[in-house]
Amino acid sequence: MENTEATSPTLGASEIREIAKQLDLHPAKSLGQNFVIDGNTCRKIVRLANINNTDVVLEIGPGLGSLTIALLPEAREVIAVEIDRRLASQLAETMQNKLPDHAGKLQIINEDAQLINVLPQSPTALVANLPYNISVPVILHLLEKFPSINKGLVMVQAEVAQRLAARPGNKIYGTPSVKAKWWADMSIAGNVSREVFWPVPNVDSLLVGFQRGESPGDEELRVQTFAVIDAAFSQRRKMLRSALSVWAGGSSAAISILEKAGVAQTSRAEELELKDFIAIVRARSI
């Protein structure tokens, strides 16, 4: 295994800088463009994501192709969504040069991942290096729109990763933690050194892995539950009887709903699990 990995194609730091130079590309902070320049890190991500030859992998923000080149030999197909037109155009050429036997398995979509609602195939896995400012919205959007995604591994800013994987009672537990749980169980899968990126970011990154579980209800219940989650965490320091008063139509109504749901009116949002928020929604209709 080690020998195979050592001889498999990679995109090194010098190649990445050369491609960027040819494209007159200056990594944009606004797009979170920190490119991975370490092949071992990319292979590690693919391995931890448990990608195999039956998987149609959805890769968000492939950039210059470091992770794509590690995914293509292992997956059945790779659908790469890249918002930067220059990068999207270059990616096919790079893969053809580096992996001519696998380049035909790559489909490239030059779009904003947050706006993608239809794909040419149903993806089974999500693998991505996501900019911190869009990571949570992108993950939640893709899990909602593509139920065929049953597993994934994303590289995100450490603070975002910790929020996604947080459990009730933790001060960083919040809306991303609860909402992600609707579709999947998120967990920290590994560390990533700042030195594997170009340019080197001023924040730490972590890998977050997930397996999709069975959704606890239909779309109507999800929308209503997310509304309660938003209301509760918008005033997370307040007791729920106060935080949910506007949503419920008054403090007395909130207290009544919480009692029916079996949730203490003096509890706060960060103490509740997803099932508690669902119980609150259902109690409102009783």
Foldseek 3Di string as FASTA:
>chain_A
DVVVLVPQDAAAPVNLVVLCVVLVHDQDVVQLDWDFHDLVVLLVQCVLQVAAADFAEEEEACFQPRNVSNRQVGYVAYEYEHQDPSNLVNNLVVCCVRPVPRSVRYHYHRHDLLPDQDDPDQGQEYEYEHEAVCVLSNLLSCVVRRVNHFKYKYKYFPLVLCQCQDAFPDPSPALNVQSVVQFWHKDWDAWDDQVSIVPRDPTTMTMIIIGTDDGPDDPVLSVQLSVLRCQQRVCQVFFQLVSCQVVQVHSVSSCQLCVQLVHDSRDGSSRDHSSSSSSSSVSSVD
